């Protein structure tokens, strides 16, 4: 069993057992989970994060009413922007930042923790789960840190019985 460390933010991942099966529809779909032996999110790759969090920091009434999505670019965990978190960023994390090719108003914000990070290929795959960002939540251009799902693929398989 892996337990979230509130000091190091390691193991920021959870599994939820639903009381009954859920049928897929236009709003609910199954996603593949990346494993360690698959190609993982590559440096410089554009990936997508989506969710329903705040749209403005400090304004609790600014929760998105429809899902929002943002293009992010995968950075090296040793990038200067990622290193600002010191020892919090480990190999069990993925560091991303807003893509320079996109000038949209979106950034991870309060309420986005747990949001999926996926590749945008034909077969979407879950690579990351939103974990934390800079103190200045919702500030454009600051790095976002995700739990690196492939690093937990064996744990997921053994605990989800898949």
N, C-alpha and C. Protein backbone atom coordinates (compact mmCIF):
# COMPACT_ATOMS: atom_id res chain seq x y z
N UNK A 1 0.84 -1.18 0.00
CA UNK A 1 0.00 0.00 0.00
C UNK A 1 0.89 1.24 0.00
N UNK A 2 0.57 2.18 -0.87
CA UNK A 2 1.32 3.43 -0.92
C UNK A 2 0.45 4.50 -0.27
N UNK A 3 1.07 5.31 0.56
CA UNK A 3 0.31 6.34 1.28
C UNK A 3 0.85 7.71 0.89
N UNK A 4 -0.07 8.63 0.60
CA UNK A 4 0.31 10.00 0.25
C UNK A 4 1.09 10.62 1.39
N UNK A 5 2.24 11.19 1.07
CA UNK A 5 3.01 11.95 2.04
C UNK A 5 2.67 13.42 1.88
N UNK A 6 2.12 14.02 2.92
CA UNK A 6 1.75 15.44 2.82
C UNK A 6 2.98 16.34 2.88
N UNK A 7 4.13 15.79 3.28
CA UNK A 7 5.37 16.58 3.30
C UNK A 7 6.05 16.58 1.94
N UNK A 8 6.10 15.41 1.29
CA UNK A 8 6.81 15.31 0.02
C UNK A 8 5.87 15.28 -1.18
N UNK A 9 4.58 15.12 -0.94
CA UNK A 9 3.55 15.00 -1.98
C UNK A 9 3.73 13.76 -2.85
N UNK A 10 4.53 12.80 -2.38
CA UNK A 10 4.71 11.54 -3.11
C UNK A 10 3.45 10.69 -3.00
N UNK A 11 3.25 9.85 -3.99
CA UNK A 11 2.13 8.90 -4.03
C UNK A 11 0.78 9.61 -4.05
N UNK A 12 0.69 10.69 -4.83
CA UNK A 12 -0.55 11.46 -4.94
C UNK A 12 -1.44 10.79 -5.99
N UNK A 13 -1.98 9.64 -5.61
CA UNK A 13 -2.79 8.83 -6.51
C UNK A 13 -3.76 8.01 -5.66
N UNK A 14 -4.93 7.75 -6.20
CA UNK A 14 -5.93 6.96 -5.47
C UNK A 14 -6.77 6.17 -6.46
N UNK A 15 -7.35 5.11 -5.98
CA UNK A 15 -8.31 4.32 -6.75
C UNK A 15 -9.64 4.37 -6.01
N UNK A 16 -10.71 4.47 -6.77
CA UNK A 16 -12.05 4.51 -6.19
C UNK A 16 -12.85 3.34 -6.76
N UNK A 17 -13.43 2.55 -5.88
CA UNK A 17 -14.27 1.44 -6.33
C UNK A 17 -15.71 1.93 -6.39
N UNK A 18 -16.28 1.88 -7.59
CA UNK A 18 -17.67 2.30 -7.78
C UNK A 18 -18.61 1.20 -7.31
N UNK A 19 -19.77 1.57 -6.77
CA UNK A 19 -20.70 0.56 -6.27
C UNK A 19 -21.35 -0.28 -7.36
N UNK A 20 -21.33 0.23 -8.59
CA UNK A 20 -21.91 -0.52 -9.70
C UNK A 20 -21.19 -0.14 -10.99
N UNK A 21 -21.41 -0.93 -12.02
CA UNK A 21 -20.79 -0.67 -13.32
C UNK A 21 -21.35 0.62 -13.92
N UNK A 22 -20.53 1.25 -14.74
CA UNK A 22 -20.93 2.48 -15.42
C UNK A 22 -20.89 2.21 -16.91
N UNK A 23 -21.93 2.61 -17.61
CA UNK A 23 -21.97 2.42 -19.05
C UNK A 23 -21.36 3.62 -19.76
N UNK A 24 -20.58 3.35 -20.79
CA UNK A 24 -19.98 4.43 -21.58
C UNK A 24 -21.04 5.16 -22.37
N UNK A 25 -20.84 6.46 -22.52
CA UNK A 25 -21.70 7.29 -23.36
C UNK A 25 -20.87 8.48 -23.82
N UNK A 26 -21.48 9.51 -24.33
CA UNK A 26 -20.70 10.64 -24.84
C UNK A 26 -19.98 11.40 -23.72
N UNK A 27 -20.41 11.23 -22.47
CA UNK A 27 -19.80 11.92 -21.34
C UNK A 27 -18.88 11.03 -20.51
N UNK A 28 -19.11 9.73 -20.56
CA UNK A 28 -18.34 8.78 -19.77
C UNK A 28 -17.68 7.80 -20.73
N UNK A 29 -16.34 7.76 -20.69
CA UNK A 29 -15.61 6.87 -21.59
C UNK A 29 -14.44 6.24 -20.86
N UNK A 30 -14.05 5.09 -21.34
CA UNK A 30 -12.91 4.37 -20.78
C UNK A 30 -11.64 4.95 -21.40
N UNK A 31 -10.59 5.03 -20.59
CA UNK A 31 -9.30 5.50 -21.10
C UNK A 31 -8.24 4.46 -20.76
N UNK A 32 -7.27 4.30 -21.64
CA UNK A 32 -6.15 3.40 -21.37
C UNK A 32 -5.22 4.05 -20.36
N UNK A 33 -4.62 3.22 -19.52
CA UNK A 33 -3.65 3.72 -18.54
C UNK A 33 -2.27 3.35 -19.04
N UNK A 34 -1.39 4.34 -19.15
CA UNK A 34 -0.03 4.09 -19.62
C UNK A 34 0.71 3.22 -18.61
N UNK A 35 1.51 2.29 -19.14
CA UNK A 35 2.34 1.44 -18.28
C UNK A 35 3.80 1.82 -18.47
N UNK A 36 4.65 1.33 -17.57
CA UNK A 36 6.06 1.70 -17.64
C UNK A 36 6.75 1.20 -18.90
N UNK A 37 6.27 0.10 -19.48
CA UNK A 37 6.92 -0.42 -20.68
C UNK A 37 6.39 0.21 -21.96
N UNK A 38 5.41 1.10 -21.86
CA UNK A 38 4.94 1.84 -23.03
C UNK A 38 5.74 3.13 -23.16
N UNK A 39 5.65 3.73 -24.34
CA UNK A 39 6.26 5.05 -24.51
C UNK A 39 5.49 6.01 -23.63
N UNK A 40 6.21 6.72 -22.79
CA UNK A 40 5.57 7.67 -21.89
C UNK A 40 5.56 9.05 -22.52
N UNK A 41 4.98 10.00 -21.83
CA UNK A 41 4.96 11.37 -22.33
C UNK A 41 6.40 11.81 -22.57
N UNK A 42 6.68 12.29 -23.77
CA UNK A 42 8.04 12.65 -24.14
C UNK A 42 8.28 14.14 -23.97
N UNK A 43 9.53 14.50 -23.72
CA UNK A 43 9.89 15.91 -23.57
C UNK A 43 9.46 16.68 -24.81
N UNK A 44 8.84 17.83 -24.60
CA UNK A 44 8.40 18.67 -25.70
C UNK A 44 7.07 18.27 -26.30
N UNK A 45 6.54 17.11 -25.90
CA UNK A 45 5.26 16.65 -26.44
C UNK A 45 4.12 17.52 -25.92
N UNK A 46 3.16 17.79 -26.81
CA UNK A 46 1.95 18.49 -26.39
C UNK A 46 0.97 17.47 -25.82
N UNK A 47 0.47 17.76 -24.64
CA UNK A 47 -0.49 16.89 -23.97
C UNK A 47 -1.68 17.76 -23.54
N UNK A 48 -2.76 17.12 -23.13
CA UNK A 48 -3.98 17.85 -22.79
C UNK A 48 -4.40 17.54 -21.36
N UNK A 49 -4.73 18.59 -20.61
CA UNK A 49 -5.33 18.44 -19.29
C UNK A 49 -6.74 19.01 -19.37
N UNK A 50 -7.67 18.38 -18.68
CA UNK A 50 -9.05 18.87 -18.72
C UNK A 50 -9.68 18.78 -17.33
N UNK A 51 -10.68 19.62 -17.08
CA UNK A 51 -11.34 19.57 -15.78
C UNK A 51 -12.35 20.68 -15.60
N UNK A 52 -12.83 20.79 -14.37
CA UNK A 52 -13.89 21.75 -14.03
C UNK A 52 -13.47 22.68 -12.90
N UNK A 53 -12.21 22.98 -12.74
CA UNK A 53 -11.76 23.80 -11.61
C UNK A 53 -12.11 25.27 -11.74
N UNK A 54 -11.55 26.06 -10.81
CA UNK A 54 -11.76 27.51 -10.84
C UNK A 54 -11.18 28.08 -12.12
N UNK A 55 -11.78 29.15 -12.61
CA UNK A 55 -11.23 29.83 -13.78
C UNK A 55 -10.45 31.07 -13.37
N UNK A 56 -10.63 31.53 -12.13
CA UNK A 56 -9.87 32.66 -11.59
C UNK A 56 -9.54 32.37 -10.14
N UNK A 57 -8.27 32.52 -9.78
CA UNK A 57 -7.81 32.26 -8.42
C UNK A 57 -8.45 33.27 -7.46
N UNK A 58 -8.94 32.77 -6.33
CA UNK A 58 -9.52 33.65 -5.33
C UNK A 58 -10.98 33.98 -5.54
N UNK A 59 -11.56 33.45 -6.62
CA UNK A 59 -12.98 33.70 -6.91
C UNK A 59 -13.72 32.37 -6.89
N UNK A 60 -14.21 31.94 -5.71
CA UNK A 60 -14.84 30.62 -5.61
C UNK A 60 -16.06 30.44 -6.50
N UNK A 61 -16.66 31.53 -6.94
CA UNK A 61 -17.82 31.43 -7.83
C UNK A 61 -17.42 31.26 -9.29
N UNK A 62 -16.11 31.13 -9.55
CA UNK A 62 -15.66 31.04 -10.94
C UNK A 62 -15.44 29.60 -11.39
N UNK A 63 -16.10 28.63 -10.73
CA UNK A 63 -15.97 27.24 -11.16
C UNK A 63 -16.51 27.09 -12.58
N UNK A 64 -15.79 26.34 -13.39
CA UNK A 64 -16.22 26.11 -14.77
C UNK A 64 -17.53 25.33 -14.77
N UNK A 65 -18.44 25.70 -15.64
CA UNK A 65 -19.72 24.99 -15.74
C UNK A 65 -19.70 23.95 -16.85
N UNK A 66 -18.68 24.02 -17.69
CA UNK A 66 -18.45 23.00 -18.71
C UNK A 66 -16.98 22.61 -18.59
N UNK A 67 -16.62 21.40 -19.00
CA UNK A 67 -15.21 21.02 -18.87
C UNK A 67 -14.32 21.93 -19.71
N UNK A 68 -13.18 22.28 -19.14
CA UNK A 68 -12.20 23.11 -19.83
C UNK A 68 -11.03 22.21 -20.20
N UNK A 69 -10.30 22.57 -21.24
CA UNK A 69 -9.12 21.80 -21.65
C UNK A 69 -8.01 22.77 -21.98
N UNK A 70 -6.78 22.34 -21.75
CA UNK A 70 -5.61 23.19 -22.01
C UNK A 70 -4.49 22.33 -22.56
N UNK A 71 -3.81 22.87 -23.57
CA UNK A 71 -2.61 22.23 -24.11
C UNK A 71 -1.45 22.56 -23.18
N UNK A 72 -0.68 21.55 -22.84
CA UNK A 72 0.54 21.74 -22.05
C UNK A 72 1.68 21.08 -22.79
N UNK A 73 2.89 21.51 -22.48
CA UNK A 73 4.07 20.89 -23.06
C UNK A 73 4.84 20.21 -21.93
N UNK A 74 5.31 18.99 -22.19
CA UNK A 74 6.06 18.22 -21.19
C UNK A 74 7.47 18.80 -21.09
N UNK A 75 7.88 19.13 -19.87
CA UNK A 75 9.22 19.66 -19.60
C UNK A 75 10.06 18.59 -18.92
N UNK A 76 11.37 18.80 -18.93
CA UNK A 76 12.26 17.94 -18.17
C UNK A 76 12.12 18.31 -16.70
N UNK A 77 12.05 17.33 -15.82
CA UNK A 77 11.91 17.63 -14.39
C UNK A 77 13.07 18.44 -13.86
N UNK A 78 14.20 18.49 -14.60
CA UNK A 78 15.34 19.29 -14.16
C UNK A 78 15.34 20.68 -14.80
N UNK A 79 14.31 21.00 -15.58
CA UNK A 79 14.15 22.34 -16.14
C UNK A 79 14.13 23.36 -15.00
N UNK A 80 14.66 24.55 -15.24
CA UNK A 80 14.75 25.56 -14.17
C UNK A 80 13.39 25.87 -13.56
N UNK A 81 12.34 25.90 -14.38
CA UNK A 81 11.00 26.19 -13.84
C UNK A 81 10.51 25.05 -12.95
N UNK A 82 10.85 23.81 -13.32
CA UNK A 82 10.42 22.66 -12.53
C UNK A 82 11.24 22.55 -11.25
N UNK A 83 12.50 22.96 -11.31
CA UNK A 83 13.39 22.88 -10.15
C UNK A 83 12.99 23.85 -9.05
N UNK A 84 12.12 24.82 -9.36
CA UNK A 84 11.71 25.78 -8.33
C UNK A 84 10.99 25.08 -7.18
N UNK A 85 10.52 23.84 -7.42
CA UNK A 85 9.84 23.07 -6.38
C UNK A 85 10.82 22.27 -5.53
N UNK A 86 12.11 22.39 -5.84
CA UNK A 86 13.13 21.69 -5.06
C UNK A 86 12.96 20.18 -5.14
N UNK A 87 12.99 19.54 -3.97
CA UNK A 87 12.95 18.08 -3.92
C UNK A 87 11.54 17.51 -4.06
N UNK A 88 10.52 18.35 -4.22
CA UNK A 88 9.16 17.84 -4.38
C UNK A 88 8.95 17.12 -5.71
N UNK A 89 9.70 17.54 -6.76
CA UNK A 89 9.54 16.92 -8.08
C UNK A 89 10.50 15.73 -8.18
N UNK A 90 9.92 14.56 -8.36
CA UNK A 90 10.69 13.33 -8.42
C UNK A 90 10.40 12.61 -9.73
N UNK A 91 10.99 11.43 -9.92
CA UNK A 91 10.73 10.68 -11.15
C UNK A 91 9.31 10.13 -11.18
N UNK A 92 8.61 10.21 -10.08
CA UNK A 92 7.21 9.79 -10.05
C UNK A 92 6.28 10.96 -10.42
N UNK A 93 6.88 12.03 -10.94
CA UNK A 93 6.12 13.20 -11.38
C UNK A 93 6.42 13.52 -12.84
N UNK A 94 5.51 14.27 -13.46
CA UNK A 94 5.71 14.85 -14.79
C UNK A 94 5.52 16.35 -14.62
N UNK A 95 6.47 17.12 -15.14
CA UNK A 95 6.39 18.58 -15.07
C UNK A 95 5.96 19.10 -16.44
N UNK A 96 4.93 19.95 -16.45
CA UNK A 96 4.41 20.53 -17.69
C UNK A 96 4.19 22.02 -17.51
N UNK A 97 4.16 22.72 -18.62
CA UNK A 97 3.84 24.15 -18.58
C UNK A 97 2.96 24.48 -19.76
N UNK A 98 2.32 25.63 -19.69
CA UNK A 98 1.46 26.07 -20.78
C UNK A 98 2.26 26.13 -22.06
N UNK A 99 1.68 25.63 -23.13
CA UNK A 99 2.34 25.63 -24.43
C UNK A 99 2.54 27.05 -24.94
N UNK A 100 3.71 27.33 -25.49
CA UNK A 100 3.97 28.64 -26.08
C UNK A 100 3.14 28.88 -27.33
N UNK A 101 2.63 27.78 -27.91
CA UNK A 101 1.86 27.93 -29.14
C UNK A 101 0.39 28.25 -28.87
N UNK A 102 0.04 28.34 -27.61
CA UNK A 102 -1.36 28.57 -27.25
C UNK A 102 -1.44 29.80 -26.37
N UNK A 103 -2.33 30.71 -26.69
CA UNK A 103 -2.44 31.92 -25.88
C UNK A 103 -3.76 31.96 -25.13
N UNK A 104 -4.32 30.79 -24.86
CA UNK A 104 -5.59 30.72 -24.14
C UNK A 104 -5.44 31.16 -22.69
N UNK A 105 -6.55 31.44 -22.02
CA UNK A 105 -6.51 31.97 -20.67
C UNK A 105 -6.42 30.90 -19.58
N UNK A 106 -6.20 29.65 -19.95
CA UNK A 106 -6.32 28.58 -18.97
C UNK A 106 -4.99 28.20 -18.33
N UNK A 107 -5.08 27.76 -17.10
CA UNK A 107 -3.95 27.28 -16.32
C UNK A 107 -4.54 26.41 -15.22
N UNK A 108 -3.81 25.43 -14.73
CA UNK A 108 -4.33 24.66 -13.61
C UNK A 108 -4.64 25.60 -12.46
N UNK A 109 -5.74 25.34 -11.79
CA UNK A 109 -6.22 26.24 -10.75
C UNK A 109 -6.82 25.40 -9.62
N UNK A 110 -7.18 26.03 -8.52
CA UNK A 110 -7.82 25.31 -7.43
C UNK A 110 -9.02 24.53 -7.97
N UNK A 111 -9.17 23.31 -7.52
CA UNK A 111 -10.26 22.46 -7.99
C UNK A 111 -9.85 21.56 -9.13
N UNK A 112 -8.64 21.73 -9.65
CA UNK A 112 -8.18 20.92 -10.78
C UNK A 112 -7.37 19.70 -10.34
N UNK A 113 -7.09 19.57 -9.07
CA UNK A 113 -6.25 18.46 -8.61
C UNK A 113 -6.98 17.16 -8.85
N UNK A 114 -6.30 16.23 -9.49
CA UNK A 114 -6.92 14.96 -9.88
C UNK A 114 -7.33 14.93 -11.34
N UNK A 115 -7.21 16.06 -12.03
CA UNK A 115 -7.58 16.11 -13.45
C UNK A 115 -6.64 15.23 -14.27
N UNK A 116 -7.14 14.65 -15.37
CA UNK A 116 -6.32 13.77 -16.20
C UNK A 116 -5.40 14.53 -17.15
N UNK A 117 -4.21 13.98 -17.35
CA UNK A 117 -3.26 14.46 -18.35
C UNK A 117 -3.16 13.35 -19.39
N UNK A 118 -3.54 13.64 -20.63
CA UNK A 118 -3.57 12.61 -21.67
C UNK A 118 -2.81 13.06 -22.91
N UNK A 119 -2.35 12.07 -23.68
CA UNK A 119 -1.79 12.40 -24.99
C UNK A 119 -2.97 12.69 -25.90
N UNK A 120 -2.72 13.31 -27.02
CA UNK A 120 -3.84 13.68 -27.90
C UNK A 120 -3.85 12.82 -29.16
N UNK A 121 -3.29 11.63 -29.05
CA UNK A 121 -3.27 10.75 -30.21
C UNK A 121 -4.62 10.09 -30.45
N UNK A 122 -4.64 9.22 -31.44
CA UNK A 122 -5.87 8.51 -31.80
C UNK A 122 -6.42 7.71 -30.62
N UNK A 123 -5.53 7.02 -29.91
CA UNK A 123 -5.92 6.25 -28.73
C UNK A 123 -5.44 6.99 -27.49
N UNK A 124 -6.29 7.83 -26.95
CA UNK A 124 -5.91 8.63 -25.79
C UNK A 124 -5.48 7.72 -24.64
N UNK A 125 -4.40 8.12 -23.98
CA UNK A 125 -3.84 7.35 -22.88
C UNK A 125 -3.61 8.27 -21.69
N UNK A 126 -3.96 7.82 -20.49
CA UNK A 126 -3.74 8.59 -19.28
C UNK A 126 -2.28 8.46 -18.86
N UNK A 127 -1.57 9.58 -18.84
CA UNK A 127 -0.16 9.61 -18.43
C UNK A 127 0.01 10.23 -17.05
N UNK A 128 -0.85 11.19 -16.72
CA UNK A 128 -0.65 11.92 -15.47
C UNK A 128 -1.95 12.31 -14.80
N UNK A 129 -1.82 12.65 -13.51
CA UNK A 129 -2.94 13.14 -12.71
C UNK A 129 -2.46 14.43 -12.05
N UNK A 130 -3.23 15.52 -12.22
CA UNK A 130 -2.83 16.82 -11.67
C UNK A 130 -2.60 16.70 -10.16
N UNK A 131 -1.41 17.14 -9.72
CA UNK A 131 -1.04 17.01 -8.32
C UNK A 131 -0.86 18.36 -7.64
N UNK A 132 0.02 19.21 -8.18
CA UNK A 132 0.21 20.52 -7.58
C UNK A 132 0.82 21.48 -8.58
N UNK A 133 0.81 22.76 -8.25
CA UNK A 133 1.37 23.80 -9.11
C UNK A 133 2.05 24.83 -8.23
N UNK A 134 2.50 25.90 -8.85
CA UNK A 134 3.17 26.96 -8.11
C UNK A 134 2.22 27.58 -7.08
N UNK A 135 2.78 28.21 -6.08
CA UNK A 135 1.98 28.89 -5.05
C UNK A 135 0.98 29.82 -5.69
N UNK A 136 1.41 30.46 -6.77
CA UNK A 136 0.54 31.41 -7.47
C UNK A 136 -0.41 30.62 -8.37
N UNK A 137 -1.33 29.88 -7.77
CA UNK A 137 -2.26 29.06 -8.54
C UNK A 137 -2.98 29.91 -9.57
N UNK A 138 -3.18 29.37 -10.73
CA UNK A 138 -3.89 30.00 -11.85
C UNK A 138 -3.04 31.00 -12.62
N UNK A 139 -1.75 31.09 -12.33
CA UNK A 139 -0.89 32.04 -13.04
C UNK A 139 -0.33 31.37 -14.28
N UNK A 140 -0.55 31.99 -15.43
CA UNK A 140 -0.07 31.45 -16.70
C UNK A 140 1.45 31.31 -16.71
N UNK A 141 1.92 30.29 -17.39
CA UNK A 141 3.35 30.11 -17.60
C UNK A 141 4.08 29.47 -16.45
N UNK A 142 3.41 29.18 -15.37
CA UNK A 142 4.06 28.51 -14.24
C UNK A 142 3.89 27.00 -14.43
N UNK A 143 4.87 26.22 -13.99
CA UNK A 143 4.79 24.78 -14.21
C UNK A 143 3.70 24.12 -13.37
N UNK A 144 3.20 23.02 -13.89
CA UNK A 144 2.21 22.19 -13.21
C UNK A 144 2.83 20.82 -13.01
N UNK A 145 2.60 20.22 -11.87
CA UNK A 145 3.19 18.92 -11.58
C UNK A 145 2.08 17.87 -11.53
N UNK A 146 2.33 16.77 -12.21
CA UNK A 146 1.38 15.67 -12.32
C UNK A 146 2.00 14.41 -11.74
N UNK A 147 1.17 13.55 -11.17
CA UNK A 147 1.62 12.23 -10.78
C UNK A 147 1.86 11.45 -12.07
N UNK A 148 3.02 10.80 -12.17
CA UNK A 148 3.42 10.06 -13.36
C UNK A 148 2.77 8.66 -13.30
N UNK A 149 1.62 8.51 -13.92
CA UNK A 149 0.81 7.29 -13.83
C UNK A 149 1.59 6.02 -14.20
N UNK A 150 2.40 6.00 -15.27
CA UNK A 150 3.13 4.77 -15.58
C UNK A 150 4.00 4.26 -14.43
N UNK A 151 4.48 5.14 -13.59
CA UNK A 151 5.30 4.72 -12.45
C UNK A 151 4.48 3.95 -11.41
N UNK A 152 3.16 4.05 -11.51
CA UNK A 152 2.27 3.38 -10.57
C UNK A 152 1.45 2.27 -11.24
N UNK A 153 1.78 1.91 -12.48
CA UNK A 153 0.95 0.96 -13.23
C UNK A 153 0.86 -0.40 -12.54
N UNK A 154 1.95 -0.90 -11.98
CA UNK A 154 1.90 -2.19 -11.27
C UNK A 154 1.05 -2.08 -10.01
N UNK A 155 1.17 -0.97 -9.30
CA UNK A 155 0.35 -0.74 -8.10
C UNK A 155 -1.13 -0.69 -8.48
N UNK A 156 -1.44 -0.01 -9.58
CA UNK A 156 -2.83 0.09 -10.05
C UNK A 156 -3.36 -1.31 -10.38
N UNK A 157 -2.58 -2.09 -11.14
CA UNK A 157 -3.02 -3.44 -11.51
C UNK A 157 -3.27 -4.31 -10.29
N UNK A 158 -2.36 -4.27 -9.34
CA UNK A 158 -2.50 -5.16 -8.18
C UNK A 158 -3.63 -4.72 -7.25
N UNK A 159 -3.94 -3.44 -7.20
CA UNK A 159 -4.99 -2.97 -6.30
C UNK A 159 -6.36 -2.86 -6.96
N UNK A 160 -6.38 -2.80 -8.28
CA UNK A 160 -7.66 -2.71 -9.00
C UNK A 160 -8.08 -4.06 -9.56
N UNK A 161 -7.23 -5.07 -9.35
CA UNK A 161 -7.52 -6.41 -9.86
C UNK A 161 -7.76 -6.42 -11.36
N UNK A 162 -6.89 -5.71 -12.11
CA UNK A 162 -7.01 -5.71 -13.57
C UNK A 162 -5.78 -6.34 -14.19
